[in-house]
Amino acid sequence: MEERLTDLELRYMQQEKIIQELNDTVYRQELTIVRLERDMTLLREQVMMLAPSASGSPEDEEPPPHY
């Protein structure tokens, strides 16, 4: 009986360690996702400033001067 109890305690400690490691991983991933979303928003804004006509329809653009 004592051996079984010790075995269960060891398993519990291992599970607690694994759960904490998984929690840390999820937390780091959340930080990364937030940073990537922020970077994506900034990049989208920069692209829109550089090429605002890229988001418009082709009918709204003026033809090139050689036409």
N, C-alpha and C. Protein backbone atom coordinates (compact mmCIF):
# COMPACT_ATOMS: atom_id res chain seq x y z
N MET A 1 0.83 -1.20 0.00
CA MET A 1 0.00 0.00 0.00
C MET A 1 0.87 1.26 0.00
N GLU A 2 1.93 1.26 0.77
CA GLU A 2 2.83 2.41 0.85
C GLU A 2 3.50 2.67 -0.50
N GLU A 3 3.84 1.60 -1.18
CA GLU A 3 4.49 1.73 -2.50
C GLU A 3 3.52 2.34 -3.52
N ARG A 4 2.29 1.93 -3.46
CA ARG A 4 1.28 2.49 -4.37
C ARG A 4 1.07 3.97 -4.10
N LEU A 5 1.04 4.33 -2.84
CA LEU A 5 0.85 5.73 -2.48
C LEU A 5 2.03 6.57 -2.96
N THR A 6 3.22 6.05 -2.79
CA THR A 6 4.42 6.75 -3.26
C THR A 6 4.38 6.90 -4.77
N ASP A 7 3.99 5.84 -5.46
CA ASP A 7 3.88 5.89 -6.92
C ASP A 7 2.87 6.96 -7.36
N LEU A 8 1.75 7.01 -6.68
CA LEU A 8 0.73 8.02 -7.02
C LEU A 8 1.24 9.44 -6.75
N GLU A 9 1.97 9.62 -5.68
CA GLU A 9 2.53 10.93 -5.37
C GLU A 9 3.54 11.35 -6.43
N LEU A 10 4.35 10.42 -6.87
CA LEU A 10 5.34 10.72 -7.92
C LEU A 10 4.64 11.10 -9.23
N ARG A 11 3.62 10.35 -9.57
CA ARG A 11 2.87 10.66 -10.79
C ARG A 11 2.23 12.04 -10.69
N TYR A 12 1.68 12.34 -9.54
CA TYR A 12 1.06 13.65 -9.33
C TYR A 12 2.09 14.76 -9.50
N MET A 13 3.26 14.59 -8.92
CA MET A 13 4.30 15.61 -9.04
C MET A 13 4.74 15.78 -10.49
N GLN A 14 4.85 14.68 -11.22
CA GLN A 14 5.22 14.76 -12.63
C GLN A 14 4.15 15.49 -13.43
N GLN A 15 2.91 15.18 -13.14
CA GLN A 15 1.82 15.85 -13.84
C GLN A 15 1.79 17.34 -13.54
N GLU A 16 2.03 17.71 -12.30
CA GLU A 16 2.07 19.12 -11.93
C GLU A 16 3.19 19.84 -12.68
N LYS A 17 4.34 19.19 -12.78
CA LYS A 17 5.46 19.79 -13.51
C LYS A 17 5.10 19.97 -14.99
N ILE A 18 4.53 18.95 -15.58
CA ILE A 18 4.15 19.01 -17.00
C ILE A 18 3.09 20.08 -17.23
N ILE A 19 2.12 20.17 -16.35
CA ILE A 19 1.07 21.19 -16.48
C ILE A 19 1.68 22.58 -16.41
N GLN A 20 2.63 22.79 -15.50
CA GLN A 20 3.27 24.10 -15.39
C GLN A 20 4.07 24.43 -16.65
N GLU A 21 4.78 23.43 -17.18
CA GLU A 21 5.53 23.64 -18.42
C GLU A 21 4.60 23.99 -19.57
N LEU A 22 3.49 23.29 -19.67
CA LEU A 22 2.51 23.58 -20.72
C LEU A 22 1.92 24.98 -20.55
N ASN A 23 1.65 25.35 -19.32
CA ASN A 23 1.13 26.68 -19.05
C ASN A 23 2.13 27.75 -19.47
N ASP A 24 3.40 27.54 -19.15
CA ASP A 24 4.44 28.49 -19.55
C ASP A 24 4.53 28.59 -21.07
N THR A 25 4.41 27.45 -21.74
CA THR A 25 4.47 27.44 -23.21
C THR A 25 3.29 28.21 -23.80
N VAL A 26 2.10 27.97 -23.28
CA VAL A 26 0.91 28.68 -23.78
C VAL A 26 1.04 30.17 -23.53
N TYR A 27 1.58 30.55 -22.39
CA TYR A 27 1.76 31.97 -22.08
C TYR A 27 2.74 32.63 -23.07
N ARG A 28 3.86 31.95 -23.32
CA ARG A 28 4.83 32.50 -24.29
C ARG A 28 4.21 32.59 -25.69
N GLN A 29 3.42 31.60 -26.06
CA GLN A 29 2.77 31.63 -27.36
C GLN A 29 1.79 32.79 -27.45
N GLU A 30 1.07 33.06 -26.39
CA GLU A 30 0.14 34.18 -26.37
C GLU A 30 0.88 35.50 -26.56
N LEU A 31 2.02 35.65 -25.88
CA LEU A 31 2.83 36.86 -26.06
C LEU A 31 3.30 36.99 -27.50
N THR A 32 3.70 35.88 -28.09
CA THR A 32 4.15 35.89 -29.48
C THR A 32 3.01 36.25 -30.42
N ILE A 33 1.85 35.71 -30.18
CA ILE A 33 0.68 36.00 -31.03
C ILE A 33 0.32 37.48 -30.95
N VAL A 34 0.33 38.03 -29.75
CA VAL A 34 0.02 39.45 -29.58
C VAL A 34 1.04 40.30 -30.33
N ARG A 35 2.33 39.96 -30.21
CA ARG A 35 3.37 40.71 -30.91
C ARG A 35 3.20 40.59 -32.43
N LEU A 36 2.92 39.39 -32.91
CA LEU A 36 2.75 39.19 -34.35
C LEU A 36 1.53 39.94 -34.88
N GLU A 37 0.45 39.96 -34.12
CA GLU A 37 -0.73 40.70 -34.54
C GLU A 37 -0.43 42.19 -34.62
N ARG A 38 0.31 42.70 -33.63
CA ARG A 38 0.69 44.11 -33.65
C ARG A 38 1.59 44.42 -34.85
N ASP A 39 2.58 43.54 -35.09
CA ASP A 39 3.46 43.73 -36.24
C ASP A 39 2.69 43.69 -37.55
N MET A 40 1.74 42.77 -37.64
CA MET A 40 0.93 42.64 -38.86
C MET A 40 0.12 43.91 -39.10
N THR A 41 -0.44 44.46 -38.04
CA THR A 41 -1.21 45.70 -38.17
C THR A 41 -0.31 46.83 -38.65
N LEU A 42 0.88 46.94 -38.08
CA LEU A 42 1.81 47.99 -38.50
C LEU A 42 2.23 47.81 -39.96
N LEU A 43 2.50 46.57 -40.35
CA LEU A 43 2.89 46.31 -41.73
C LEU A 43 1.75 46.63 -42.70
N ARG A 44 0.54 46.28 -42.32
CA ARG A 44 -0.62 46.57 -43.16
C ARG A 44 -0.76 48.09 -43.34
N GLU A 45 -0.58 48.84 -42.26
CA GLU A 45 -0.67 50.30 -42.35
C GLU A 45 0.43 50.86 -43.24
N GLN A 46 1.64 50.31 -43.12
CA GLN A 46 2.74 50.79 -43.96
C GLN A 46 2.48 50.49 -45.43
N VAL A 47 1.97 49.32 -45.73
CA VAL A 47 1.67 48.97 -47.12
C VAL A 47 0.59 49.90 -47.67
N MET A 48 -0.41 50.18 -46.87
CA MET A 48 -1.48 51.07 -47.32
C MET A 48 -0.96 52.47 -47.59
N MET A 49 0.03 52.92 -46.82
CA MET A 49 0.61 54.24 -47.06
C MET A 49 1.46 54.26 -48.33
N LEU A 50 2.15 53.16 -48.60
CA LEU A 50 3.03 53.10 -49.77
C LEU A 50 2.25 52.88 -51.07
N ALA A 51 1.23 52.08 -51.02
CA ALA A 51 0.48 51.75 -52.22
C ALA A 51 -1.01 51.79 -51.93
N PRO A 52 -1.57 52.96 -51.71
CA PRO A 52 -2.99 53.01 -51.38
C PRO A 52 -3.88 52.50 -52.51
N SER A 53 -3.42 52.60 -53.75
CA SER A 53 -4.26 52.15 -54.86
C SER A 53 -4.30 50.63 -54.96
N ALA A 54 -3.42 49.94 -54.29
CA ALA A 54 -3.41 48.48 -54.36
C ALA A 54 -4.68 47.89 -53.76
N SER A 55 -5.30 48.63 -52.84
CA SER A 55 -6.52 48.11 -52.24
C SER A 55 -7.77 48.53 -53.01
N GLY A 56 -7.61 49.48 -53.92
CA GLY A 56 -8.75 49.94 -54.70
C GLY A 56 -9.04 49.02 -55.87
N SER A 57 -10.16 49.24 -56.51
CA SER A 57 -10.49 48.40 -57.66
C SER A 57 -9.77 48.93 -58.90
N PRO A 58 -9.49 48.07 -59.87
CA PRO A 58 -8.78 48.49 -61.08
C PRO A 58 -9.56 49.54 -61.88
N GLU A 59 -10.89 49.53 -61.79
CA GLU A 59 -11.69 50.51 -62.52
C GLU A 59 -11.47 51.93 -62.02
N ASP A 60 -11.12 52.06 -60.72
CA ASP A 60 -10.92 53.39 -60.14
C ASP A 60 -9.58 54.00 -60.51
N GLU A 61 -8.65 53.21 -61.00
CA GLU A 61 -7.32 53.73 -61.33
C GLU A 61 -7.33 54.39 -62.70
N GLU A 62 -6.51 55.40 -62.82
CA GLU A 62 -6.36 56.07 -64.12
C GLU A 62 -5.46 55.22 -65.01
N PRO A 63 -5.71 55.25 -66.31
CA PRO A 63 -4.83 54.48 -67.20
C PRO A 63 -3.45 55.12 -67.24
N PRO A 64 -2.43 54.35 -67.54
CA PRO A 64 -1.07 54.92 -67.64
C PRO A 64 -1.01 55.96 -68.75
N PRO A 65 -0.05 56.87 -68.71
CA PRO A 65 0.01 57.96 -69.68
C PRO A 65 0.18 57.52 -71.14
N HIS A 66 0.69 56.36 -71.41
CA HIS A 66 0.89 55.94 -72.81
C HIS A 66 -0.40 55.48 -73.48
N TYR A 67 -1.54 55.48 -72.80
CA TYR A 67 -2.81 55.09 -73.42
C TYR A 67 -3.52 56.27 -74.01
